[in-house]
Amino acid sequence: MIRLLIVDDDAMVRAGLSMILGGADDIEIVAEAGDGAEVPPLVAEHRPDVVLMDIRMPGVDGLTATEALRRTSAPPEVVVLTTFHADAQVLRALRAGAAGFLLKDIAPGDLVQAIRKVAAGEPILSPAVTRQLITHVSDGAAGDRTSRAKTLLGRLSEREREVALAVGQGRSNAEIARELYMSVPTVKAHVSRILSKLDLNNRVQVALLVYDAGT
């Protein structure tokens, strides 16, 4: 079972999400929260696999809660909820380690599949959305990020760098395998080493790093 925590300040939204996701035979709603301040104790108590996090809340917002969670040991995956494709707060959440984002008008079936994908370790950003987001949204301090990104990418081997650049272009593992003439398991191994070497949470952060480096 996928253990899920739903965080949204709107009780009606929480009820709708619970109805949709609770109907899946492999998803268990372990708790709900209306404020980001409630998230850490609920996560400690219920140990969810995934947290579905509203980004805008009147108390502690979803971004602050996401950053706090990702600093803990063995944190759950976080998926942020938003009403906009290109939201600076969403980008900041992805930099903090969120596994992706969902629009609040997502179809029920797609929502269920998205939670399953995140629980399986697959970020829920399509290549097209990834490129759109990292191309059109900026949250300042670009110069510092560029220098840091180039330094980090310099730690990679030539092959790892090729894989990282392909991830940055929104390529799937299968597409990278075809383009770089390697097997999918080898691509996965390279991605795992890249995440470990650069101390990143997921391939979304790899894509953002490549963007920051200007490569």
N, C-alpha and C. Protein backbone atom coordinates (compact mmCIF):
# COMPACT_ATOMS: atom_id res chain seq x y z
N MET A 1 0.82 -1.20 0.00
CA MET A 1 0.00 0.00 0.00
C MET A 1 0.86 1.26 0.00
N ILE A 2 0.42 2.27 -0.71
CA ILE A 2 1.08 3.57 -0.73
C ILE A 2 0.44 4.43 0.36
N ARG A 3 1.23 4.83 1.32
CA ARG A 3 0.72 5.63 2.43
C ARG A 3 0.81 7.11 2.04
N LEU A 4 -0.32 7.81 2.11
CA LEU A 4 -0.41 9.16 1.58
C LEU A 4 -0.90 10.16 2.63
N LEU A 5 -0.22 11.29 2.73
CA LEU A 5 -0.65 12.41 3.56
C LEU A 5 -1.10 13.54 2.64
N ILE A 6 -2.31 14.05 2.85
CA ILE A 6 -2.86 15.14 2.04
C ILE A 6 -2.80 16.43 2.82
N VAL A 7 -2.20 17.47 2.23
CA VAL A 7 -2.06 18.75 2.91
C VAL A 7 -2.66 19.85 2.04
N ASP A 8 -3.74 20.46 2.52
CA ASP A 8 -4.39 21.56 1.80
C ASP A 8 -5.24 22.33 2.80
N ASP A 9 -5.22 23.66 2.72
CA ASP A 9 -5.97 24.45 3.69
C ASP A 9 -7.47 24.47 3.40
N ASP A 10 -7.87 24.02 2.22
CA ASP A 10 -9.28 24.00 1.84
C ASP A 10 -9.87 22.62 2.16
N ALA A 11 -10.81 22.60 3.10
CA ALA A 11 -11.40 21.32 3.52
C ALA A 11 -12.11 20.61 2.39
N MET A 12 -12.74 21.38 1.49
CA MET A 12 -13.43 20.78 0.36
C MET A 12 -12.45 20.11 -0.60
N VAL A 13 -11.30 20.76 -0.81
CA VAL A 13 -10.28 20.17 -1.67
C VAL A 13 -9.75 18.88 -1.05
N ARG A 14 -9.50 18.92 0.26
CA ARG A 14 -9.02 17.71 0.94
C ARG A 14 -10.03 16.58 0.82
N ALA A 15 -11.30 16.92 0.97
CA ALA A 15 -12.35 15.90 0.87
C ALA A 15 -12.39 15.29 -0.53
N GLY A 16 -12.26 16.16 -1.55
CA GLY A 16 -12.27 15.66 -2.92
C GLY A 16 -11.07 14.77 -3.21
N LEU A 17 -9.88 15.20 -2.76
CA LEU A 17 -8.68 14.40 -2.97
C LEU A 17 -8.78 13.07 -2.24
N SER A 18 -9.30 13.09 -1.04
CA SER A 18 -9.44 11.85 -0.27
C SER A 18 -10.40 10.89 -0.94
N MET A 19 -11.49 11.42 -1.49
CA MET A 19 -12.46 10.58 -2.16
C MET A 19 -11.86 9.92 -3.40
N ILE A 20 -11.11 10.73 -4.17
CA ILE A 20 -10.51 10.21 -5.40
C ILE A 20 -9.42 9.19 -5.09
N LEU A 21 -8.49 9.57 -4.22
CA LEU A 21 -7.33 8.73 -3.97
C LEU A 21 -7.65 7.57 -3.04
N GLY A 22 -8.58 7.79 -2.11
CA GLY A 22 -8.95 6.72 -1.20
C GLY A 22 -9.69 5.58 -1.88
N GLY A 23 -10.19 5.85 -3.08
CA GLY A 23 -10.88 4.80 -3.83
C GLY A 23 -9.95 3.83 -4.53
N ALA A 24 -8.65 4.17 -4.61
CA ALA A 24 -7.67 3.27 -5.24
C ALA A 24 -7.33 2.15 -4.27
N ASP A 25 -7.22 0.94 -4.80
CA ASP A 25 -7.01 -0.20 -3.91
C ASP A 25 -5.58 -0.30 -3.37
N ASP A 26 -4.68 0.54 -3.89
CA ASP A 26 -3.29 0.47 -3.43
C ASP A 26 -2.84 1.76 -2.75
N ILE A 27 -3.77 2.66 -2.42
CA ILE A 27 -3.44 3.93 -1.76
C ILE A 27 -4.22 4.03 -0.46
N GLU A 28 -3.52 4.34 0.62
CA GLU A 28 -4.15 4.52 1.92
C GLU A 28 -3.91 5.96 2.40
N ILE A 29 -4.98 6.70 2.66
CA ILE A 29 -4.87 8.05 3.20
C ILE A 29 -4.62 7.91 4.70
N VAL A 30 -3.40 8.18 5.13
CA VAL A 30 -3.06 7.96 6.54
C VAL A 30 -3.38 9.18 7.40
N ALA A 31 -3.43 10.37 6.78
CA ALA A 31 -3.73 11.58 7.55
C ALA A 31 -3.99 12.73 6.60
N GLU A 32 -4.60 13.80 7.14
CA GLU A 32 -4.81 15.03 6.40
C GLU A 32 -4.35 16.20 7.26
N ALA A 33 -3.93 17.29 6.60
CA ALA A 33 -3.51 18.49 7.32
C ALA A 33 -3.99 19.72 6.57
N GLY A 34 -4.29 20.78 7.33
CA GLY A 34 -4.75 22.02 6.73
C GLY A 34 -3.72 23.12 6.78
N ASP A 35 -2.53 22.81 7.28
CA ASP A 35 -1.47 23.81 7.43
C ASP A 35 -0.12 23.10 7.41
N GLY A 36 0.88 23.74 6.84
CA GLY A 36 2.20 23.13 6.78
C GLY A 36 2.80 22.85 8.14
N ALA A 37 2.37 23.59 9.16
CA ALA A 37 2.90 23.38 10.51
C ALA A 37 2.52 22.01 11.05
N GLU A 38 1.44 21.44 10.53
CA GLU A 38 0.97 20.14 11.01
C GLU A 38 1.74 18.98 10.36
N VAL A 39 2.49 19.27 9.31
CA VAL A 39 3.11 18.20 8.51
C VAL A 39 4.18 17.42 9.26
N PRO A 40 5.19 18.07 9.88
CA PRO A 40 6.25 17.28 10.54
C PRO A 40 5.75 16.29 11.57
N PRO A 41 4.86 16.69 12.50
CA PRO A 41 4.39 15.68 13.47
C PRO A 41 3.56 14.57 12.84
N LEU A 42 2.79 14.91 11.81
CA LEU A 42 1.98 13.88 11.14
C LEU A 42 2.88 12.91 10.38
N VAL A 43 3.92 13.42 9.75
CA VAL A 43 4.87 12.54 9.06
C VAL A 43 5.58 11.63 10.05
N ALA A 44 5.98 12.19 11.18
CA ALA A 44 6.65 11.38 12.21
C ALA A 44 5.74 10.30 12.75
N GLU A 45 4.45 10.61 12.88
CA GLU A 45 3.51 9.65 13.44
C GLU A 45 3.08 8.59 12.44
N HIS A 46 2.79 9.01 11.21
CA HIS A 46 2.17 8.09 10.25
C HIS A 46 3.12 7.55 9.18
N ARG A 47 4.30 8.11 9.02
CA ARG A 47 5.30 7.65 8.06
C ARG A 47 4.72 7.45 6.66
N PRO A 48 4.17 8.50 6.05
CA PRO A 48 3.64 8.35 4.69
C PRO A 48 4.76 8.15 3.67
N ASP A 49 4.42 7.51 2.57
CA ASP A 49 5.37 7.37 1.47
C ASP A 49 5.39 8.63 0.61
N VAL A 50 4.23 9.27 0.50
CA VAL A 50 4.08 10.45 -0.35
C VAL A 50 3.27 11.51 0.40
N VAL A 51 3.68 12.77 0.26
CA VAL A 51 2.92 13.89 0.79
C VAL A 51 2.44 14.73 -0.39
N LEU A 52 1.12 14.89 -0.49
CA LEU A 52 0.53 15.73 -1.53
C LEU A 52 0.32 17.10 -0.90
N MET A 53 1.12 18.08 -1.32
CA MET A 53 1.28 19.33 -0.59
C MET A 53 0.77 20.54 -1.37
N ASP A 54 -0.22 21.23 -0.81
CA ASP A 54 -0.65 22.51 -1.37
C ASP A 54 0.48 23.51 -1.21
N ILE A 55 0.70 24.35 -2.20
CA ILE A 55 1.83 25.27 -2.13
C ILE A 55 1.47 26.57 -1.41
N ARG A 56 0.19 26.97 -1.48
CA ARG A 56 -0.22 28.23 -0.85
C ARG A 56 -1.19 27.95 0.30
N MET A 57 -0.72 28.23 1.50
CA MET A 57 -1.56 28.08 2.69
C MET A 57 -1.32 29.28 3.60
N PRO A 58 -2.34 29.71 4.36
CA PRO A 58 -2.21 30.94 5.14
C PRO A 58 -1.25 30.85 6.32
N GLY A 59 -1.02 29.65 6.85
CA GLY A 59 -0.08 29.49 7.95
C GLY A 59 1.31 29.22 7.42
N VAL A 60 1.82 28.04 7.70
CA VAL A 60 3.09 27.60 7.13
C VAL A 60 2.81 27.08 5.73
N ASP A 61 3.42 27.70 4.71
CA ASP A 61 3.11 27.33 3.34
C ASP A 61 3.77 26.01 2.94
N GLY A 62 3.36 25.49 1.79
CA GLY A 62 3.87 24.21 1.35
C GLY A 62 5.34 24.20 1.03
N LEU A 63 5.87 25.34 0.58
CA LEU A 63 7.29 25.42 0.28
C LEU A 63 8.12 25.26 1.54
N THR A 64 7.76 26.01 2.58
CA THR A 64 8.49 25.92 3.85
C THR A 64 8.40 24.51 4.42
N ALA A 65 7.22 23.92 4.34
CA ALA A 65 7.03 22.56 4.85
C ALA A 65 7.85 21.55 4.05
N THR A 66 7.91 21.75 2.73
CA THR A 66 8.70 20.85 1.88
C THR A 66 10.18 20.93 2.22
N GLU A 67 10.69 22.15 2.36
CA GLU A 67 12.10 22.32 2.70
C GLU A 67 12.41 21.67 4.05
N ALA A 68 11.51 21.81 5.01
CA ALA A 68 11.73 21.20 6.32
C ALA A 68 11.75 19.68 6.23
N LEU A 69 10.83 19.12 5.45
CA LEU A 69 10.78 17.66 5.31
C LEU A 69 12.03 17.11 4.65
N ARG A 70 12.49 17.78 3.60
CA ARG A 70 13.63 17.25 2.85
C ARG A 70 14.93 17.32 3.65
N ARG A 71 14.93 18.08 4.75
CA ARG A 71 16.13 18.13 5.59
C ARG A 71 16.15 17.00 6.61
N THR A 72 15.06 16.25 6.72
CA THR A 72 15.00 15.15 7.68
C THR A 72 15.58 13.88 7.05
N SER A 73 15.86 12.91 7.89
CA SER A 73 16.38 11.64 7.37
C SER A 73 15.23 10.81 6.81
N ALA A 74 15.48 10.16 5.69
CA ALA A 74 14.48 9.31 5.02
C ALA A 74 13.14 10.01 4.88
N PRO A 75 13.10 11.18 4.25
CA PRO A 75 11.82 11.91 4.12
C PRO A 75 10.91 11.24 3.09
N PRO A 76 9.60 11.48 3.18
CA PRO A 76 8.69 10.98 2.14
C PRO A 76 8.86 11.79 0.87
N GLU A 77 8.39 11.26 -0.23
CA GLU A 77 8.37 12.04 -1.46
C GLU A 77 7.30 13.13 -1.33
N VAL A 78 7.58 14.29 -1.89
CA VAL A 78 6.65 15.41 -1.82
C VAL A 78 6.21 15.81 -3.22
N VAL A 79 4.91 15.92 -3.41
CA VAL A 79 4.36 16.42 -4.67
C VAL A 79 3.59 17.70 -4.34
N VAL A 80 3.94 18.79 -4.99
CA VAL A 80 3.27 20.06 -4.70
C VAL A 80 2.06 20.24 -5.61
N LEU A 81 1.06 20.90 -5.09
CA LEU A 81 -0.15 21.21 -5.83
C LEU A 81 -0.14 22.69 -6.19
N THR A 82 -0.52 23.02 -7.41
CA THR A 82 -0.53 24.40 -7.83
C THR A 82 -1.63 24.64 -8.85
N THR A 83 -1.95 25.89 -9.06
CA THR A 83 -2.93 26.25 -10.09
C THR A 83 -2.26 26.80 -11.32
N PHE A 84 -0.89 26.90 -11.31
CA PHE A 84 -0.17 27.50 -12.42
C PHE A 84 0.94 26.58 -12.91
N HIS A 85 1.15 26.57 -14.24
CA HIS A 85 2.28 25.82 -14.81
C HIS A 85 3.60 26.46 -14.43
N ALA A 86 3.67 27.79 -14.50
CA ALA A 86 4.93 28.50 -14.31
C ALA A 86 4.84 29.35 -13.06
N ASP A 87 5.09 28.76 -11.92
CA ASP A 87 4.97 29.42 -10.64
C ASP A 87 6.33 29.39 -9.97
N ALA A 88 6.86 30.56 -9.61
CA ALA A 88 8.19 30.63 -9.01
C ALA A 88 8.27 29.77 -7.75
N GLN A 89 7.17 29.69 -7.00
CA GLN A 89 7.18 28.87 -5.80
C GLN A 89 7.31 27.39 -6.12
N VAL A 90 6.73 26.99 -7.25
CA VAL A 90 6.87 25.59 -7.66
C VAL A 90 8.33 25.28 -7.96
N LEU A 91 8.99 26.18 -8.67
CA LEU A 91 10.40 25.97 -8.99
C LEU A 91 11.22 25.85 -7.71
N ARG A 92 10.95 26.70 -6.74
CA ARG A 92 11.67 26.64 -5.47
C ARG A 92 11.41 25.32 -4.76
N ALA A 93 10.18 24.84 -4.86
CA ALA A 93 9.87 23.55 -4.24
C ALA A 93 10.64 22.42 -4.90
N LEU A 94 10.78 22.49 -6.23
CA LEU A 94 11.54 21.46 -6.94
C LEU A 94 13.01 21.53 -6.55
N ARG A 95 13.54 22.74 -6.39
CA ARG A 95 14.92 22.88 -5.94
C ARG A 95 15.10 22.31 -4.54
N ALA A 96 14.04 22.39 -3.74
CA ALA A 96 14.11 21.87 -2.37
C ALA A 96 14.02 20.35 -2.33
N GLY A 97 13.67 19.74 -3.46
CA GLY A 97 13.64 18.28 -3.51
C GLY A 97 12.29 17.65 -3.73
N ALA A 98 11.27 18.45 -4.04
CA ALA A 98 9.96 17.87 -4.34
C ALA A 98 10.08 17.00 -5.59
N ALA A 99 9.29 15.94 -5.63
CA ALA A 99 9.37 14.99 -6.74
C ALA A 99 8.62 15.47 -7.98
N GLY A 100 7.94 16.59 -7.89
CA GLY A 100 7.21 17.09 -9.04
C GLY A 100 6.04 17.94 -8.60
N PHE A 101 5.17 18.25 -9.55
CA PHE A 101 4.00 19.03 -9.20
C PHE A 101 2.81 18.58 -10.02
N LEU A 102 1.63 18.86 -9.47
CA LEU A 102 0.37 18.56 -10.14
C LEU A 102 -0.46 19.82 -10.20
N LEU A 103 -1.19 20.00 -11.28
CA LEU A 103 -2.16 21.08 -11.35
C LEU A 103 -3.44 20.61 -10.66
N LYS A 104 -4.12 21.53 -10.01
CA LYS A 104 -5.31 21.16 -9.24
C LYS A 104 -6.48 20.71 -10.12
N ASP A 105 -6.38 20.98 -11.43
CA ASP A 105 -7.46 20.52 -12.31
C ASP A 105 -7.14 19.18 -12.97
N ILE A 106 -6.17 18.46 -12.41
CA ILE A 106 -5.78 17.16 -12.97
C ILE A 106 -6.96 16.20 -12.94
N ALA A 107 -7.06 15.35 -13.96
CA ALA A 107 -8.12 14.34 -14.02
C ALA A 107 -7.92 13.32 -12.91
N PRO A 108 -9.00 12.81 -12.32
CA PRO A 108 -8.88 11.86 -11.21
C PRO A 108 -7.98 10.66 -11.52
N GLY A 109 -8.16 10.07 -12.71
CA GLY A 109 -7.33 8.91 -13.06
C GLY A 109 -5.86 9.26 -13.16
N ASP A 110 -5.57 10.44 -13.69
CA ASP A 110 -4.17 10.88 -13.81
C ASP A 110 -3.57 11.15 -12.43
N LEU A 111 -4.40 11.65 -11.52
CA LEU A 111 -3.93 11.91 -10.16
C LEU A 111 -3.51 10.61 -9.48
N VAL A 112 -4.32 9.60 -9.61
CA VAL A 112 -3.99 8.30 -9.02
C VAL A 112 -2.70 7.76 -9.61
N GLN A 113 -2.57 7.81 -10.93
CA GLN A 113 -1.35 7.32 -11.58
C GLN A 113 -0.13 8.12 -11.16
N ALA A 114 -0.30 9.42 -10.98
CA ALA A 114 0.82 10.27 -10.57
C ALA A 114 1.34 9.87 -9.20
N ILE A 115 0.43 9.62 -8.27
CA ILE A 115 0.85 9.20 -6.93
C ILE A 115 1.58 7.87 -6.99
N ARG A 116 1.09 6.96 -7.82
CA ARG A 116 1.75 5.66 -7.97
C ARG A 116 3.17 5.82 -8.52
N LYS A 117 3.31 6.70 -9.50
CA LYS A 117 4.63 6.92 -10.11
C LYS A 117 5.62 7.49 -9.10
N VAL A 118 5.17 8.48 -8.35
CA VAL A 118 6.06 9.10 -7.36
C VAL A 118 6.46 8.08 -6.29
N ALA A 119 5.51 7.28 -5.85
CA ALA A 119 5.81 6.25 -4.85
C ALA A 119 6.83 5.25 -5.38
N ALA A 120 6.84 5.06 -6.70
CA ALA A 120 7.79 4.12 -7.32
C ALA A 120 9.13 4.79 -7.64
N GLY A 121 9.26 6.07 -7.28
CA GLY A 121 10.53 6.77 -7.49
C GLY A 121 10.65 7.51 -8.79
N GLU A 122 9.53 7.72 -9.48
CA GLU A 122 9.56 8.40 -10.78
C GLU A 122 8.97 9.81 -10.65
N PRO A 123 9.77 10.86 -10.86
CA PRO A 123 9.23 12.22 -10.77
C PRO A 123 8.10 12.43 -11.78
N ILE A 124 7.10 13.21 -11.40
CA ILE A 124 5.96 13.40 -12.28
C ILE A 124 6.03 14.75 -12.98
N LEU A 125 7.07 14.90 -13.76
CA LEU A 125 7.20 16.04 -14.66
C LEU A 125 7.45 15.49 -16.05
N SER A 126 6.57 15.76 -16.98
CA SER A 126 6.80 15.31 -18.34
C SER A 126 7.96 16.09 -18.92
N PRO A 127 8.66 15.57 -19.93
CA PRO A 127 9.74 16.33 -20.56
C PRO A 127 9.31 17.72 -21.00
N ALA A 128 8.11 17.84 -21.57
CA ALA A 128 7.65 19.14 -22.07
C ALA A 128 7.46 20.13 -20.92
N VAL A 129 6.86 19.66 -19.83
CA VAL A 129 6.63 20.53 -18.69
C VAL A 129 7.95 20.89 -18.02
N THR A 130 8.86 19.93 -17.94
CA THR A 130 10.17 20.21 -17.35
C THR A 130 10.87 21.32 -18.11
N ARG A 131 10.90 21.20 -19.42
CA ARG A 131 11.58 22.24 -20.23
C ARG A 131 10.89 23.58 -20.08
N GLN A 132 9.56 23.58 -20.07
CA GLN A 132 8.82 24.84 -19.93
C GLN A 132 9.12 25.50 -18.59
N LEU A 133 9.11 24.71 -17.55
CA LEU A 133 9.29 25.24 -16.21
C LEU A 133 10.69 25.83 -16.03
N ILE A 134 11.72 25.09 -16.38
CA ILE A 134 13.07 25.56 -16.11
C ILE A 134 13.51 26.63 -17.09
N THR A 135 12.81 26.75 -18.22
CA THR A 135 13.16 27.77 -19.19
C THR A 135 12.52 29.11 -18.86
N HIS A 136 11.28 29.08 -18.36
CA HIS A 136 10.52 30.31 -18.22
C HIS A 136 10.41 30.86 -16.81
N VAL A 137 10.89 30.12 -15.82
CA VAL A 137 10.77 30.59 -14.45
C VAL A 137 12.14 30.78 -13.83
N SER A 138 12.34 31.90 -13.14
CA SER A 138 13.60 32.17 -12.45
C SER A 138 13.29 32.69 -11.07
N ASP A 139 14.11 32.33 -10.09
CA ASP A 139 13.86 32.82 -8.73
C ASP A 139 15.04 33.61 -8.19
N GLY A 140 15.82 34.24 -9.07
CA GLY A 140 16.89 35.13 -8.64
C GLY A 140 18.19 34.39 -8.34
N ALA A 141 19.24 35.17 -8.00
CA ALA A 141 20.57 34.64 -7.65
C ALA A 141 21.13 33.76 -8.76
N ALA A 142 20.87 34.13 -10.03
CA ALA A 142 21.28 33.29 -11.15
C ALA A 142 22.79 33.12 -11.23
N GLY A 143 23.53 34.20 -10.96
CA GLY A 143 24.99 34.12 -11.05
C GLY A 143 25.57 33.11 -10.09
N ASP A 144 25.14 33.15 -8.85
CA ASP A 144 25.64 32.20 -7.85
C ASP A 144 25.26 30.77 -8.21
N ARG A 145 24.05 30.59 -8.71
CA ARG A 145 23.60 29.24 -9.08
C ARG A 145 24.41 28.71 -10.26
N THR A 146 24.73 29.58 -11.22
CA THR A 146 25.49 29.14 -12.39
C THR A 146 26.87 28.64 -11.98
N SER A 147 27.55 29.40 -11.14
CA SER A 147 28.88 29.01 -10.68
C SER A 147 28.83 27.71 -9.91
N ARG A 148 27.87 27.58 -9.01
CA ARG A 148 27.76 26.36 -8.22
C ARG A 148 27.43 25.17 -9.12
N ALA A 149 26.52 25.36 -10.07
CA ALA A 149 26.10 24.27 -10.95
C ALA A 149 27.27 23.76 -11.79
N LYS A 150 28.07 24.67 -12.32
CA LYS A 150 29.22 24.27 -13.13
C LYS A 150 30.23 23.49 -12.29
N THR A 151 30.42 23.92 -11.05
CA THR A 151 31.34 23.21 -10.16
C THR A 151 30.85 21.79 -9.89
N LEU A 152 29.56 21.66 -9.64
CA LEU A 152 29.00 20.33 -9.36
C LEU A 152 29.09 19.41 -10.58
N LEU A 153 28.72 19.93 -11.74
CA LEU A 153 28.78 19.11 -12.95
C LEU A 153 30.22 18.70 -13.27
N GLY A 154 31.18 19.51 -12.84
CA GLY A 154 32.58 19.17 -13.05
C GLY A 154 33.04 17.95 -12.29
N ARG A 155 32.25 17.52 -11.31
CA ARG A 155 32.59 16.32 -10.54
C ARG A 155 32.26 15.04 -11.30
N LEU A 156 31.49 15.16 -12.36
CA LEU A 156 31.03 13.98 -13.08
C LEU A 156 32.04 13.52 -14.12
N SER A 157 32.00 12.22 -14.41
CA SER A 157 32.80 11.69 -15.52
C SER A 157 32.17 12.16 -16.83
N GLU A 158 32.88 11.97 -17.92
CA GLU A 158 32.36 12.41 -19.22
C GLU A 158 31.04 11.72 -19.54
N ARG A 159 30.94 10.43 -19.27
CA ARG A 159 29.71 9.69 -19.56
C ARG A 159 28.57 10.15 -18.65
N GLU A 160 28.88 10.34 -17.38
CA GLU A 160 27.85 10.80 -16.45
C GLU A 160 27.35 12.19 -16.85
N ARG A 161 28.25 13.01 -17.33
CA ARG A 161 27.85 14.35 -17.76
C ARG A 161 26.92 14.27 -18.97
N GLU A 162 27.21 13.35 -19.90
CA GLU A 162 26.33 13.16 -21.05
C GLU A 162 24.93 12.76 -20.61
N VAL A 163 24.87 11.86 -19.64
CA VAL A 163 23.57 11.42 -19.12
C VAL A 163 22.86 12.58 -18.42
N ALA A 164 23.61 13.35 -17.64
CA ALA A 164 23.02 14.49 -16.93
C ALA A 164 22.45 15.50 -17.91
N LEU A 165 23.17 15.78 -18.98
CA LEU A 165 22.68 16.73 -19.98
C LEU A 165 21.40 16.21 -20.64
N ALA A 166 21.35 14.91 -20.88
CA ALA A 166 20.15 14.32 -21.48
C ALA A 166 18.96 14.40 -20.52
N VAL A 167 19.22 14.17 -19.24
CA VAL A 167 18.17 14.34 -18.23
C VAL A 167 17.68 15.78 -18.24
N GLY A 168 18.62 16.72 -18.36
CA GLY A 168 18.28 18.13 -18.40
C GLY A 168 17.43 18.51 -19.59
N GLN A 169 17.52 17.72 -20.64
CA GLN A 169 16.71 17.96 -21.84
C GLN A 169 15.36 17.26 -21.75
N GLY A 170 15.09 16.64 -20.60
CA GLY A 170 13.81 15.98 -20.40
C GLY A 170 13.71 14.60 -21.00
N ARG A 171 14.85 13.97 -21.31
CA ARG A 171 14.83 12.65 -21.92
C ARG A 171 14.47 11.57 -20.89
N SER A 172 13.73 10.58 -21.32
CA SER A 172 13.45 9.44 -20.47
C SER A 172 14.65 8.50 -20.49
N ASN A 173 14.66 7.51 -19.57
CA ASN A 173 15.76 6.55 -19.56
C ASN A 173 15.87 5.81 -20.88
N ALA A 174 14.75 5.44 -21.46
CA ALA A 174 14.76 4.72 -22.73
C ALA A 174 15.33 5.59 -23.85
N GLU A 175 14.95 6.85 -23.87
CA GLU A 175 15.47 7.77 -24.89
C GLU A 175 16.97 7.99 -24.73
N ILE A 176 17.42 8.12 -23.48
CA ILE A 176 18.85 8.30 -23.23
C ILE A 176 19.62 7.06 -23.68
N ALA A 177 19.05 5.89 -23.40
CA ALA A 177 19.71 4.64 -23.79
C ALA A 177 19.90 4.57 -25.30
N ARG A 178 18.86 4.96 -26.04
CA ARG A 178 18.96 4.93 -27.51
C ARG A 178 19.98 5.95 -28.02
N GLU A 179 19.94 7.15 -27.47
CA GLU A 179 20.80 8.22 -27.96
C GLU A 179 22.27 7.98 -27.62
N LEU A 180 22.53 7.39 -26.46
CA LEU A 180 23.91 7.21 -26.01
C LEU A 180 24.41 5.77 -26.17
N TYR A 181 23.58 4.94 -26.82
CA TYR A 181 23.97 3.56 -27.13
C TYR A 181 24.37 2.77 -25.88
N MET A 182 23.45 2.74 -24.92
CA MET A 182 23.66 1.94 -23.72
C MET A 182 22.33 1.33 -23.32
N SER A 183 22.37 0.40 -22.39
CA SER A 183 21.14 -0.24 -21.94
C SER A 183 20.42 0.65 -20.93
N VAL A 184 19.12 0.41 -20.77
CA VAL A 184 18.35 1.17 -19.79
C VAL A 184 18.89 0.95 -18.37
N PRO A 185 19.23 -0.30 -17.97
CA PRO A 185 19.81 -0.47 -16.63
C PRO A 185 21.10 0.33 -16.44
N THR A 186 21.91 0.44 -17.50
CA THR A 186 23.13 1.23 -17.40
C THR A 186 22.81 2.70 -17.21
N VAL A 187 21.79 3.19 -17.92
CA VAL A 187 21.36 4.58 -17.74
C VAL A 187 20.92 4.80 -16.30
N LYS A 188 20.12 3.88 -15.78
CA LYS A 188 19.64 4.00 -14.40
C LYS A 188 20.80 4.03 -13.42
N ALA A 189 21.82 3.21 -13.69
CA ALA A 189 22.99 3.18 -12.82
C ALA A 189 23.73 4.51 -12.86
N HIS A 190 23.85 5.08 -14.06
CA HIS A 190 24.51 6.39 -14.19
C HIS A 190 23.72 7.46 -13.44
N VAL A 191 22.40 7.45 -13.60
CA VAL A 191 21.57 8.44 -12.91
C VAL A 191 21.72 8.31 -11.39
N SER A 192 21.76 7.09 -10.90
CA SER A 192 21.94 6.87 -9.46
C SER A 192 23.27 7.41 -8.98
N ARG A 193 24.33 7.20 -9.77
CA ARG A 193 25.65 7.71 -9.39
C ARG A 193 25.67 9.24 -9.43
N ILE A 194 25.00 9.82 -10.42
CA ILE A 194 24.92 11.27 -10.52
C ILE A 194 24.24 11.86 -9.29
N LEU A 195 23.12 11.27 -8.90
CA LEU A 195 22.40 11.75 -7.71
C LEU A 195 23.27 11.64 -6.47
N SER A 196 23.99 10.53 -6.36
CA SER A 196 24.85 10.32 -5.19
C SER A 196 26.02 11.30 -5.18
N LYS A 197 26.69 11.46 -6.31
CA LYS A 197 27.85 12.35 -6.38
C LYS A 197 27.48 13.80 -6.10
N LEU A 198 26.32 14.23 -6.60
CA LEU A 198 25.93 15.63 -6.49
C LEU A 198 25.00 15.90 -5.32
N ASP A 199 24.70 14.86 -4.54
CA ASP A 199 23.84 14.98 -3.36
C ASP A 199 22.49 15.59 -3.74
N LEU A 200 21.87 15.01 -4.78
CA LEU A 200 20.57 15.47 -5.24
C LEU A 200 19.52 14.42 -4.92
N ASN A 201 18.25 14.85 -4.88
CA ASN A 201 17.16 13.95 -4.51
C ASN A 201 16.58 13.18 -5.69
N ASN A 202 16.51 13.81 -6.86
CA ASN A 202 15.84 13.18 -7.99
C ASN A 202 16.30 13.82 -9.30
N ARG A 203 15.83 13.27 -10.42
CA ARG A 203 16.30 13.73 -11.72
C ARG A 203 15.76 15.12 -12.08
N VAL A 204 14.69 15.55 -11.41
CA VAL A 204 14.23 16.92 -11.61
C VAL A 204 15.31 17.90 -11.17
N GLN A 205 15.95 17.61 -10.05
CA GLN A 205 17.02 18.48 -9.57
C GLN A 205 18.23 18.42 -10.50
N VAL A 206 18.46 17.28 -11.13
CA VAL A 206 19.53 17.20 -12.13
C VAL A 206 19.22 18.14 -13.30
N ALA A 207 17.97 18.12 -13.76
CA ALA A 207 17.57 19.00 -14.86
C ALA A 207 17.73 20.46 -14.49
N LEU A 208 17.36 20.83 -13.27
CA LEU A 208 17.51 22.21 -12.84
C LEU A 208 18.97 22.60 -12.75
N LEU A 209 19.82 21.67 -12.32
CA LEU A 209 21.26 21.95 -12.22
C LEU A 209 21.85 22.19 -13.60
N VAL A 210 21.45 21.37 -14.57
CA VAL A 210 21.92 21.55 -15.94
C VAL A 210 21.48 22.89 -16.48
N TYR A 211 20.25 23.27 -16.20
CA TYR A 211 19.75 24.58 -16.62
C TYR A 211 20.55 25.70 -15.98
N ASP A 212 20.81 25.59 -14.67
CA ASP A 212 21.57 26.62 -13.98
C ASP A 212 22.96 26.79 -14.56
N ALA A 213 23.55 25.67 -14.99
CA ALA A 213 24.91 25.72 -15.54
C ALA A 213 24.95 26.32 -16.93
N GLY A 214 23.78 26.45 -17.56
CA GLY A 214 23.73 27.02 -18.90
C GLY A 214 24.22 26.09 -19.96
N THR A 215 24.13 24.79 -19.71
CA THR A 215 24.63 23.81 -20.68
C THR A 215 23.48 23.17 -21.44
